Amino acid sequence: SEDNDVISEIPERKKMYQGQTPQTFQAQKLKELYLSLT
């Protein structure tokens, strides 16, 4: 829902995942990418 009131899209469920953790990264790469963000 784009406006938190009306449904604007119902995507295909087979493409949808629910995130958990862990999330795992090459630390140096994560730092570089984070510092490049606005």
PDB file of all heavy atoms in Angstrom:
ATOM      1  N   SER A   1       0.850  -1.189   0.000  1.00  0.00           N
ATOM      2  CA  SER A   1       0.000   0.000   0.000  1.00  0.00           C
ATOM      3  C   SER A   1       0.883   1.235   0.000  1.00  0.00           C
ATOM      4  O   SER A   1       1.662   1.439   0.925  1.00  0.00           O
ATOM      5  CB  SER A   1      -0.924   0.015   1.226  1.00  0.00           C
ATOM      6  OG  SER A   1      -1.642   1.231   1.296  1.00  0.00           O
ATOM      7  N   GLU A   2       0.766   2.037  -1.034  1.00  0.00           N
ATOM      8  CA  GLU A   2       1.578   3.246  -1.135  1.00  0.00           C
ATOM      9  C   GLU A   2       1.161   4.305  -0.116  1.00  0.00           C
ATOM     10  O   GLU A   2       1.978   5.105   0.340  1.00  0.00           O
ATOM     11  CB  GLU A   2       1.484   3.833  -2.553  1.00  0.00           C
ATOM     12  CG  GLU A   2       2.012   2.921  -3.654  1.00  0.00           C
ATOM     13  CD  GLU A   2       3.517   2.746  -3.643  1.00  0.00           C
ATOM     14  OE1 GLU A   2       4.195   3.487  -2.902  1.00  0.00           O
ATOM     15  OE2 GLU A   2       4.013   1.856  -4.368  1.00  0.00           O
ATOM     16  N   ASP A   3      -0.142   4.316   0.243  1.00  0.00           N
ATOM     17  CA  ASP A   3      -0.643   5.361   1.145  1.00  0.00           C
ATOM     18  C   ASP A   3      -1.048   4.818   2.517  1.00  0.00           C
ATOM     19  O   ASP A   3      -1.638   5.520   3.322  1.00  0.00           O
ATOM     20  CB  ASP A   3      -1.828   6.094   0.506  1.00  0.00           C
ATOM     21  CG  ASP A   3      -3.019   5.165   0.230  1.00  0.00           C
ATOM     22  OD1 ASP A   3      -2.927   3.953   0.567  1.00  0.00           O
ATOM     23  OD2 ASP A   3      -4.030   5.654  -0.317  1.00  0.00           O
ATOM     24  N   ASN A   4      -0.734   3.547   2.776  1.00  0.00           N
ATOM     25  CA  ASN A   4      -1.103   2.891   4.039  1.00  0.00           C
ATOM     26  C   ASN A   4      -2.615   2.879   4.277  1.00  0.00           C
ATOM     27  O   ASN A   4      -3.067   2.820   5.418  1.00  0.00           O
ATOM     28  CB  ASN A   4      -0.392   3.560   5.236  1.00  0.00           C
ATOM     29  CG  ASN A   4       1.111   3.436   5.130  1.00  0.00           C
ATOM     30  OD1 ASN A   4       1.625   2.372   4.808  1.00  0.00           O
ATOM     31  ND2 ASN A   4       1.812   4.525   5.382  1.00  0.00           N
ATOM     32  N   ASP A   5      -3.364   2.913   3.186  1.00  0.00           N
ATOM     33  CA  ASP A   5      -4.829   2.946   3.299  1.00  0.00           C
ATOM     34  C   ASP A   5      -5.482   2.001   2.297  1.00  0.00           C
ATOM     35  O   ASP A   5      -6.382   1.243   2.631  1.00  0.00           O
ATOM     36  CB  ASP A   5      -5.323   4.387   3.080  1.00  0.00           C
ATOM     37  CG  ASP A   5      -6.795   4.554   3.440  1.00  0.00           C
ATOM     38  OD1 ASP A   5      -7.279   3.791   4.296  1.00  0.00           O
ATOM     39  OD2 ASP A   5      -7.442   5.443   2.855  1.00  0.00           O
ATOM     40  N   VAL A   6      -4.987   2.038   1.051  1.00  0.00           N
ATOM     41  CA  VAL A   6      -5.561   1.244  -0.032  1.00  0.00           C
ATOM     42  C   VAL A   6      -4.478   0.367  -0.642  1.00  0.00           C
ATOM     43  O   VAL A   6      -3.332   0.801  -0.794  1.00  0.00           O
ATOM     44  CB  VAL A   6      -6.157   2.176  -1.123  1.00  0.00           C
ATOM     45  CG1 VAL A   6      -6.651   1.364  -2.321  1.00  0.00           C
ATOM     46  CG2 VAL A   6      -7.284   3.018  -0.548  1.00  0.00           C
ATOM     47  N   ILE A   7      -4.827  -0.875  -0.988  1.00  0.00           N
ATOM     48  CA  ILE A   7      -3.858  -1.777  -1.610  1.00  0.00           C
ATOM     49  C   ILE A   7      -3.511  -1.265  -3.008  1.00  0.00           C
ATOM     50  O   ILE A   7      -4.390  -0.986  -3.822  1.00  0.00           O
ATOM     51  CB  ILE A   7      -4.424  -3.211  -1.710  1.00  0.00           C
ATOM     52  CG1 ILE A   7      -4.553  -3.820  -0.306  1.00  0.00           C
ATOM     53  CG2 ILE A   7      -3.524  -4.097  -2.577  1.00  0.00           C
ATOM     54  CD1 ILE A   7      -5.218  -5.178  -0.279  1.00  0.00           C
ATOM     55  N   SER A   8      -2.221  -1.125  -3.245  1.00  0.00           N
ATOM     56  CA  SER A   8      -1.785  -0.661  -4.564  1.00  0.00           C
ATOM     57  C   SER A   8      -1.145  -1.773  -5.391  1.00  0.00           C
ATOM     58  O   SER A   8      -1.037  -1.660  -6.608  1.00  0.00           O
ATOM     59  CB  SER A   8      -0.812   0.517  -4.421  1.00  0.00           C
ATOM     60  OG  SER A   8       0.144   0.284  -3.418  1.00  0.00           O
ATOM     61  N   GLU A   9      -0.738  -2.845  -4.729  1.00  0.00           N
ATOM     62  CA  GLU A   9      -0.120  -3.944  -5.466  1.00  0.00           C
ATOM     63  C   GLU A   9      -0.138  -5.208  -4.624  1.00  0.00           C
ATOM     64  O   GLU A   9      -0.001  -5.146  -3.397  1.00  0.00           O
ATOM     65  CB  GLU A   9       1.333  -3.583  -5.830  1.00  0.00           C
ATOM     66  CG  GLU A   9       2.018  -4.578  -6.731  1.00  0.00           C
ATOM     67  CD  GLU A   9       3.478  -4.227  -6.985  1.00  0.00           C
ATOM     68  OE1 GLU A   9       3.899  -3.102  -6.641  1.00  0.00           O
ATOM     69  OE2 GLU A   9       4.202  -5.099  -7.503  1.00  0.00           O
ATOM     70  N   ILE A  10      -0.322  -6.353  -5.294  1.00  0.00           N
ATOM     71  CA  ILE A  10      -0.173  -7.653  -4.626  1.00  0.00           C
ATOM     72  C   ILE A  10       0.831  -8.459  -5.429  1.00  0.00           C
ATOM     73  O   ILE A  10       0.507  -9.043  -6.457  1.00  0.00           O
ATOM     74  CB  ILE A  10      -1.529  -8.408  -4.537  1.00  0.00           C
ATOM     75  CG1 ILE A  10      -2.558  -7.559  -3.787  1.00  0.00           C
ATOM     76  CG2 ILE A  10      -1.327  -9.758  -3.837  1.00  0.00           C
ATOM     77  CD1 ILE A  10      -3.934  -8.210  -3.666  1.00  0.00           C
ATOM     78  N   PRO A  11       2.097  -8.446  -5.006  1.00  0.00           N
ATOM     79  CA  PRO A  11       3.141  -9.145  -5.769  1.00  0.00           C
ATOM     80  C   PRO A  11       2.997 -10.662  -5.665  1.00  0.00           C
ATOM     81  O   PRO A  11       2.330 -11.183  -4.763  1.00  0.00           O
ATOM     82  CB  PRO A  11       4.435  -8.675  -5.106  1.00  0.00           C
ATOM     83  CG  PRO A  11       4.044  -8.240  -3.740  1.00  0.00           C
ATOM     84  CD  PRO A  11       2.620  -7.769  -3.821  1.00  0.00           C
ATOM     85  N   GLU A  12       3.640 -11.356  -6.604  1.00  0.00           N
ATOM     86  CA  GLU A  12       3.607 -12.821  -6.592  1.00  0.00           C
ATOM     87  C   GLU A  12       4.271 -13.353  -5.321  1.00  0.00           C
ATOM     88  O   GLU A  12       5.427 -13.006  -5.034  1.00  0.00           O
ATOM     89  CB  GLU A  12       4.377 -13.371  -7.795  1.00  0.00           C
ATOM     90  CG  GLU A  12       3.621 -13.405  -9.093  1.00  0.00           C
ATOM     91  CD  GLU A  12       4.439 -14.125 -10.158  1.00  0.00           C
ATOM     92  OE1 GLU A  12       4.468 -15.382 -10.141  1.00  0.00           O
ATOM     93  OE2 GLU A  12       5.057 -13.427 -10.978  1.00  0.00           O
ATOM     94  N   ARG A  13       3.548 -14.207  -4.611  1.00  0.00           N
ATOM     95  CA  ARG A  13       4.079 -14.696  -3.336  1.00  0.00           C
ATOM     96  C   ARG A  13       5.358 -15.503  -3.511  1.00  0.00           C
ATOM     97  O   ARG A  13       6.249 -15.462  -2.654  1.00  0.00           O
ATOM     98  CB  ARG A  13       3.015 -15.536  -2.613  1.00  0.00           C
ATOM     99  CG  ARG A  13       3.410 -15.887  -1.194  1.00  0.00           C
ATOM    100  CD  ARG A  13       2.297 -16.555  -0.437  1.00  0.00           C
ATOM    101  NE  ARG A  13       2.003 -17.871  -0.984  1.00  0.00           N
ATOM    102  CZ  ARG A  13       0.941 -18.615  -0.647  1.00  0.00           C
ATOM    103  NH1 ARG A  13       0.069 -18.131   0.206  1.00  0.00           N
ATOM    104  NH2 ARG A  13       0.739 -19.797  -1.177  1.00  0.00           N
ATOM    105  N   LYS A  14       5.477 -16.220  -4.635  1.00  0.00           N
ATOM    106  CA  LYS A  14       6.650 -17.079  -4.813  1.00  0.00           C
ATOM    107  C   LYS A  14       7.948 -16.269  -4.922  1.00  0.00           C
ATOM    108  O   LYS A  14       9.041 -16.820  -4.799  1.00  0.00           O
ATOM    109  CB  LYS A  14       6.479 -17.987  -6.030  1.00  0.00           C
ATOM    110  CG  LYS A  14       6.453 -17.278  -7.361  1.00  0.00           C
ATOM    111  CD  LYS A  14       6.259 -18.285  -8.491  1.00  0.00           C
ATOM    112  CE  LYS A  14       6.239 -17.580  -9.857  1.00  0.00           C
ATOM    113  NZ  LYS A  14       6.014 -18.555 -10.943  1.00  0.00           N
ATOM    114  N   LYS A  15       7.817 -14.947  -5.162  1.00  0.00           N
ATOM    115  CA  LYS A  15       9.000 -14.084  -5.208  1.00  0.00           C
ATOM    116  C   LYS A  15       9.280 -13.411  -3.871  1.00  0.00           C
ATOM    117  O   LYS A  15      10.296 -12.729  -3.720  1.00  0.00           O
ATOM    118  CB  LYS A  15       8.808 -12.992  -6.266  1.00  0.00           C
ATOM    119  CG  LYS A  15       8.720 -13.498  -7.698  1.00  0.00           C
ATOM    120  CD  LYS A  15       8.532 -12.324  -8.649  1.00  0.00           C
ATOM    121  CE  LYS A  15       8.415 -12.796 -10.091  1.00  0.00           C
ATOM    122  NZ  LYS A  15       8.199 -11.650 -11.020  1.00  0.00           N
ATOM    123  N   MET A  16       8.365 -13.589  -2.921  1.00  0.00           N
ATOM    124  CA  MET A  16       8.468 -12.871  -1.645  1.00  0.00           C
ATOM    125  C   MET A  16       9.172 -13.726  -0.578  1.00  0.00           C
ATOM    126  O   MET A  16       8.881 -14.915  -0.442  1.00  0.00           O
ATOM    127  CB  MET A  16       7.078 -12.492  -1.124  1.00  0.00           C
ATOM    128  CG  MET A  16       6.280 -11.552  -2.030  1.00  0.00           C
ATOM    129  SD  MET A  16       6.999  -9.899  -2.108  1.00  0.00           S
ATOM    130  CE  MET A  16       7.601  -9.889  -3.794  1.00  0.00           C
ATOM    131  N   TYR A  17      10.042 -13.093   0.163  1.00  0.00           N
ATOM    132  CA  TYR A  17      10.728 -13.737   1.285  1.00  0.00           C
ATOM    133  C   TYR A  17      10.596 -12.859   2.513  1.00  0.00           C
ATOM    134  O   TYR A  17      10.490 -11.638   2.406  1.00  0.00           O
ATOM    135  CB  TYR A  17      12.217 -13.953   0.969  1.00  0.00           C
ATOM    136  CG  TYR A  17      12.478 -15.087   0.014  1.00  0.00           C
ATOM    137  CD1 TYR A  17      12.217 -14.934  -1.347  1.00  0.00           C
ATOM    138  CD2 TYR A  17      12.966 -16.307   0.455  1.00  0.00           C
ATOM    139  CE1 TYR A  17      12.443 -15.974  -2.240  1.00  0.00           C
ATOM    140  CE2 TYR A  17      13.207 -17.350  -0.423  1.00  0.00           C
ATOM    141  CZ  TYR A  17      12.942 -17.179  -1.769  1.00  0.00           C
ATOM    142  OH  TYR A  17      13.163 -18.210  -2.636  1.00  0.00           O
ATOM    143  N   GLN A  18      10.617 -13.500   3.674  1.00  0.00           N
ATOM    144  CA  GLN A  18      10.613 -12.755   4.939  1.00  0.00           C
ATOM    145  C   GLN A  18      12.025 -12.800   5.519  1.00  0.00           C
ATOM    146  O   GLN A  18      12.587 -13.870   5.738  1.00  0.00           O
ATOM    147  CB  GLN A  18       9.601 -13.379   5.907  1.00  0.00           C
ATOM    148  CG  GLN A  18       8.164 -13.171   5.448  1.00  0.00           C
ATOM    149  CD  GLN A  18       7.188 -14.055   6.218  1.00  0.00           C
ATOM    150  OE1 GLN A  18       7.026 -15.231   5.909  1.00  0.00           O
ATOM    151  NE2 GLN A  18       6.547 -13.478   7.208  1.00  0.00           N
ATOM    152  N   GLY A  19      12.572 -11.611   5.748  1.00  0.00           N
ATOM    153  CA  GLY A  19      13.949 -11.528   6.212  1.00  0.00           C
ATOM    154  C   GLY A  19      14.107 -11.943   7.663  1.00  0.00           C
ATOM    155  O   GLY A  19      13.245 -11.681   8.506  1.00  0.00           O
ATOM    156  N   GLN A  20      15.212 -12.616   7.941  1.00  0.00           N
ATOM    157  CA  GLN A  20      15.607 -12.954   9.306  1.00  0.00           C
ATOM    158  C   GLN A  20      17.033 -12.420   9.484  1.00  0.00           C
ATOM    159  O   GLN A  20      17.467 -11.528   8.780  1.00  0.00           O
ATOM    160  CB  GLN A  20      15.545 -14.474   9.527  1.00  0.00           C
ATOM    161  CG  GLN A  20      14.152 -15.070   9.346  1.00  0.00           C
ATOM    162  CD  GLN A  20      14.106 -16.574   9.656  1.00  0.00           C
ATOM    163  OE1 GLN A  20      15.129 -17.253   9.773  1.00  0.00           O
ATOM    164  NE2 GLN A  20      12.890 -17.085   9.790  1.00  0.00           N
ATOM    165  N   THR A  21      17.738 -12.916  10.448  1.00  0.00           N
ATOM    166  CA  THR A  21      19.184 -12.748  10.549  1.00  0.00           C
ATOM    167  C   THR A  21      19.722 -14.108  10.967  1.00  0.00           C
ATOM    168  O   THR A  21      18.957 -14.935  11.460  1.00  0.00           O
ATOM    169  CB  THR A  21      19.604 -11.662  11.590  1.00  0.00           C
ATOM    170  OG1 THR A  21      19.206 -12.041  12.896  1.00  0.00           O
ATOM    171  CG2 THR A  21      19.039 -10.309  11.237  1.00  0.00           C
ATOM    172  N   PRO A  22      21.025 -14.358  10.740  1.00  0.00           N
ATOM    173  CA  PRO A  22      22.112 -13.435  10.449  1.00  0.00           C
ATOM    174  C   PRO A  22      22.081 -12.850   9.027  1.00  0.00           C
ATOM    175  O   PRO A  22      21.493 -13.415   8.121  1.00  0.00           O
ATOM    176  CB  PRO A  22      23.365 -14.307  10.622  1.00  0.00           C
ATOM    177  CG  PRO A  22      22.947 -15.500  11.391  1.00  0.00           C
ATOM    178  CD  PRO A  22      21.528 -15.718  11.013  1.00  0.00           C
ATOM    179  N   GLN A  23      22.759 -11.685   8.929  1.00  0.00           N
ATOM    180  CA  GLN A  23      23.183 -11.120   7.661  1.00  0.00           C
ATOM    181  C   GLN A  23      24.702 -11.057   7.740  1.00  0.00           C
ATOM    182  O   GLN A  23      25.251 -10.581   8.737  1.00  0.00           O
ATOM    183  CB  GLN A  23      22.610  -9.720   7.466  1.00  0.00           C
ATOM    184  CG  GLN A  23      21.096  -9.693   7.344  1.00  0.00           C
ATOM    185  CD  GLN A  23      20.575  -8.297   7.055  1.00  0.00           C
ATOM    186  OE1 GLN A  23      21.169  -7.306   7.462  1.00  0.00           O
ATOM    187  NE2 GLN A  23      19.463  -8.222   6.351  1.00  0.00           N
ATOM    188  N   THR A  24      25.358 -11.537   6.689  1.00  0.00           N
ATOM    189  CA  THR A  24      26.809 -11.720   6.776  1.00  0.00           C
ATOM    190  C   THR A  24      27.498 -11.063   5.581  1.00  0.00           C
ATOM    191  O   THR A  24      27.016 -11.168   4.454  1.00  0.00           O
ATOM    192  CB  THR A  24      27.129 -13.224   6.859  1.00  0.00           C
ATOM    193  OG1 THR A  24      26.457 -13.757   8.016  1.00  0.00           O
ATOM    194  CG2 THR A  24      28.613 -13.492   6.985  1.00  0.00           C
ATOM    195  N   PHE A  25      28.622 -10.388   5.868  1.00  0.00           N
ATOM    196  CA  PHE A  25      29.250  -9.557   4.847  1.00  0.00           C
ATOM    197  C   PHE A  25      30.769  -9.591   4.945  1.00  0.00           C
ATOM    198  O   PHE A  25      31.331  -9.824   6.011  1.00  0.00           O
ATOM    199  CB  PHE A  25      28.830  -8.084   5.035  1.00  0.00           C
ATOM    200  CG  PHE A  25      27.355  -7.880   5.225  1.00  0.00           C
ATOM    201  CD1 PHE A  25      26.831  -7.699   6.507  1.00  0.00           C
ATOM    202  CD2 PHE A  25      26.496  -7.883   4.140  1.00  0.00           C
ATOM    203  CE1 PHE A  25      25.476  -7.518   6.695  1.00  0.00           C
ATOM    204  CE2 PHE A  25      25.130  -7.699   4.324  1.00  0.00           C
ATOM    205  CZ  PHE A  25      24.612  -7.517   5.600  1.00  0.00           C
ATOM    206  N   GLN A  26      31.403  -9.288   3.817  1.00  0.00           N
ATOM    207  CA  GLN A  26      32.809  -8.919   3.857  1.00  0.00           C
ATOM    208  C   GLN A  26      32.837  -7.516   4.464  1.00  0.00           C
ATOM    209  O   GLN A  26      32.269  -6.572   3.915  1.00  0.00           O
ATOM    210  CB  GLN A  26      33.412  -8.932   2.449  1.00  0.00           C
ATOM    211  CG  GLN A  26      33.564 -10.333   1.875  1.00  0.00           C
ATOM    212  CD  GLN A  26      34.095 -10.337   0.447  1.00  0.00           C
ATOM    213  OE1 GLN A  26      34.326  -9.277  -0.136  1.00  0.00           O
ATOM    214  NE2 GLN A  26      34.283 -11.529  -0.104  1.00  0.00           N
ATOM    215  N   ALA A  27      33.479  -7.394   5.609  1.00  0.00           N
ATOM    216  CA  ALA A  27      33.374  -6.176   6.414  1.00  0.00           C
ATOM    217  C   ALA A  27      33.921  -4.934   5.707  1.00  0.00           C
ATOM    218  O   ALA A  27      33.317  -3.859   5.765  1.00  0.00           O
ATOM    219  CB  ALA A  27      34.089  -6.379   7.749  1.00  0.00           C
ATOM    220  N   GLN A  28      35.058  -5.086   5.050  1.00  0.00           N
ATOM    221  CA  GLN A  28      35.677  -3.950   4.364  1.00  0.00           C
ATOM    222  C   GLN A  28      34.753  -3.426   3.261  1.00  0.00           C
ATOM    223  O   GLN A  28      34.566  -2.220   3.094  1.00  0.00           O
ATOM    224  CB  GLN A  28      37.025  -4.367   3.765  1.00  0.00           C
ATOM    225  CG  GLN A  28      37.797  -3.254   3.070  1.00  0.00           C
ATOM    226  CD  GLN A  28      38.497  -2.321   4.044  1.00  0.00           C
ATOM    227  OE1 GLN A  28      38.908  -2.731   5.115  1.00  0.00           O
ATOM    228  NE2 GLN A  28      38.619  -1.066   3.674  1.00  0.00           N
ATOM    229  N   LYS A  29      34.147  -4.358   2.513  1.00  0.00           N
ATOM    230  CA  LYS A  29      33.241  -3.980   1.420  1.00  0.00           C
ATOM    231  C   LYS A  29      32.008  -3.268   1.981  1.00  0.00           C
ATOM    232  O   LYS A  29      31.559  -2.247   1.421  1.00  0.00           O
ATOM    233  CB  LYS A  29      32.830  -5.239   0.649  1.00  0.00           C
ATOM    234  CG  LYS A  29      31.961  -4.987  -0.589  1.00  0.00           C
ATOM    235  CD  LYS A  29      32.764  -4.292  -1.666  1.00  0.00           C
ATOM    236  CE  LYS A  29      31.985  -4.140  -2.961  1.00  0.00           C
ATOM    237  NZ  LYS A  29      31.912  -5.375  -3.734  1.00  0.00           N
ATOM    238  N   LEU A  30      31.463  -3.784   3.081  1.00  0.00           N
ATOM    239  CA  LEU A  30      30.306  -3.145   3.701  1.00  0.00           C
ATOM    240  C   LEU A  30      30.646  -1.718   4.131  1.00  0.00           C
ATOM    241  O   LEU A  30      29.873  -0.783   3.887  1.00  0.00           O
ATOM    242  CB  LEU A  30      29.829  -3.956   4.908  1.00  0.00           C
ATOM    243  CG  LEU A  30      28.692  -3.326   5.733  1.00  0.00           C
ATOM    244  CD1 LEU A  30      27.442  -3.108   4.889  1.00  0.00           C
ATOM    245  CD2 LEU A  30      28.366  -4.193   6.949  1.00  0.00           C
ATOM    246  N   LYS A  31      31.792  -1.549   4.741  1.00  0.00           N
ATOM    247  CA  LYS A  31      32.208  -0.214   5.197  1.00  0.00           C
ATOM    248  C   LYS A  31      32.331   0.745   4.011  1.00  0.00           C
ATOM    249  O   LYS A  31      31.836   1.882   4.057  1.00  0.00           O
ATOM    250  CB  LYS A  31      33.547  -0.314   5.941  1.00  0.00           C
ATOM    251  CG  LYS A  31      34.047   1.018   6.472  1.00  0.00           C
ATOM    252  CD  LYS A  31      35.390   0.857   7.188  1.00  0.00           C
ATOM    253  CE  LYS A  31      35.914   2.203   7.681  1.00  0.00           C
ATOM    254  NZ  LYS A  31      37.222   2.068   8.369  1.00  0.00           N
ATOM    255  N   GLU A  32      32.972   0.292   2.946  1.00  0.00           N
ATOM    256  CA  GLU A  32      33.147   1.142   1.763  1.00  0.00           C
ATOM    257  C   GLU A  32      31.801   1.547   1.165  1.00  0.00           C
ATOM    258  O   GLU A  32      31.587   2.712   0.807  1.00  0.00           O
ATOM    259  CB  GLU A  32      33.997   0.413   0.713  1.00  0.00           C
ATOM    260  CG  GLU A  32      35.459   0.269   1.101  1.00  0.00           C
ATOM    261  CD  GLU A  32      36.215  -0.668   0.168  1.00  0.00           C
ATOM    262  OE1 GLU A  32      35.602  -1.168  -0.809  1.00  0.00           O
ATOM    263  OE2 GLU A  32      37.405  -0.930   0.428  1.00  0.00           O
ATOM    264  N   LEU A  33      30.902   0.583   1.043  1.00  0.00           N
ATOM    265  CA  LEU A  33      29.583   0.876   0.468  1.00  0.00           C
ATOM    266  C   LEU A  33      28.792   1.826   1.360  1.00  0.00           C
ATOM    267  O   LEU A  33      28.141   2.756   0.871  1.00  0.00           O
ATOM    268  CB  LEU A  33      28.791  -0.422   0.255  1.00  0.00           C
ATOM    269  CG  LEU A  33      29.316  -1.380  -0.822  1.00  0.00           C
ATOM    270  CD1 LEU A  33      28.471  -2.647  -0.853  1.00  0.00           C
ATOM    271  CD2 LEU A  33      29.318  -0.719  -2.199  1.00  0.00           C
ATOM    272  N   TYR A  34      28.859   1.598   2.671  1.00  0.00           N
ATOM    273  CA  TYR A  34      28.118   2.455   3.612  1.00  0.00           C
ATOM    274  C   TYR A  34      28.625   3.897   3.541  1.00  0.00           C
ATOM    275  O   TYR A  34      27.835   4.846   3.504  1.00  0.00           O
ATOM    276  CB  TYR A  34      28.247   1.913   5.034  1.00  0.00           C
ATOM    277  CG  TYR A  34      27.472   2.724   6.056  1.00  0.00           C
ATOM    278  CD1 TYR A  34      26.088   2.675   6.114  1.00  0.00           C
ATOM    279  CD2 TYR A  34      28.141   3.556   6.964  1.00  0.00           C
ATOM    280  CE1 TYR A  34      25.378   3.426   7.049  1.00  0.00           C
ATOM    281  CE2 TYR A  34      27.443   4.310   7.893  1.00  0.00           C
ATOM    282  CZ  TYR A  34      26.060   4.237   7.936  1.00  0.00           C
ATOM    283  OH  TYR A  34      25.356   4.988   8.847  1.00  0.00           O
ATOM    284  N   LEU A  35      29.943   4.055   3.497  1.00  0.00           N
ATOM    285  CA  LEU A  35      30.519   5.404   3.456  1.00  0.00           C
ATOM    286  C   LEU A  35      30.234   6.119   2.133  1.00  0.00           C
ATOM    287  O   LEU A  35      30.319   7.342   2.052  1.00  0.00           O
ATOM    288  CB  LEU A  35      32.032   5.344   3.709  1.00  0.00           C
ATOM    289  CG  LEU A  35      32.448   4.910   5.121  1.00  0.00           C
ATOM    290  CD1 LEU A  35      33.963   4.808   5.231  1.00  0.00           C
ATOM    291  CD2 LEU A  35      31.900   5.862   6.184  1.00  0.00           C
ATOM    292  N   SER A  36      29.876   5.347   1.095  1.00  0.00           N
ATOM    293  CA  SER A  36      29.566   5.947  -0.207  1.00  0.00           C
ATOM    294  C   SER A  36      28.114   6.427  -0.298  1.00  0.00           C
ATOM    295  O   SER A  36      27.745   7.103  -1.263  1.00  0.00           O
ATOM    296  CB  SER A  36      29.830   4.935  -1.332  1.00  0.00           C
ATOM    297  OG  SER A  36      28.806   3.955  -1.385  1.00  0.00           O
ATOM    298  N   LEU A  37      27.292   6.085   0.697  1.00  0.00           N
ATOM    299  CA  LEU A  37      25.881   6.473   0.664  1.00  0.00           C
ATOM    300  C   LEU A  37      25.701   7.955   0.992  1.00  0.00           C
ATOM    301  O   LEU A  37      26.439   8.524   1.781  1.00  0.00           O
ATOM    302  CB  LEU A  37      25.087   5.649   1.682  1.00  0.00           C
ATOM    303  CG  LEU A  37      24.982   4.141   1.474  1.00  0.00           C
ATOM    304  CD1 LEU A  37      24.261   3.500   2.654  1.00  0.00           C
ATOM    305  CD2 LEU A  37      24.270   3.802   0.177  1.00  0.00           C
ATOM    306  N   THR A  38      24.667   8.546   0.403  1.00  0.00           N
ATOM    307  CA  THR A  38      24.279   9.901   0.774  1.00  0.00           C
ATOM    308  C   THR A  38      23.456   9.836   2.070  1.00  0.00           C
ATOM    309  O   THR A  38      22.989   8.758   2.458  1.00  0.00           O
ATOM    310  CB  THR A  38      23.414  10.542  -0.319  1.00  0.00           C
ATOM    311  OG1 THR A  38      22.184   9.802  -0.433  1.00  0.00           O
ATOM    312  CG2 THR A  38      24.125  10.542  -1.666  1.00  0.00           C
TER     313      THR A  38
END
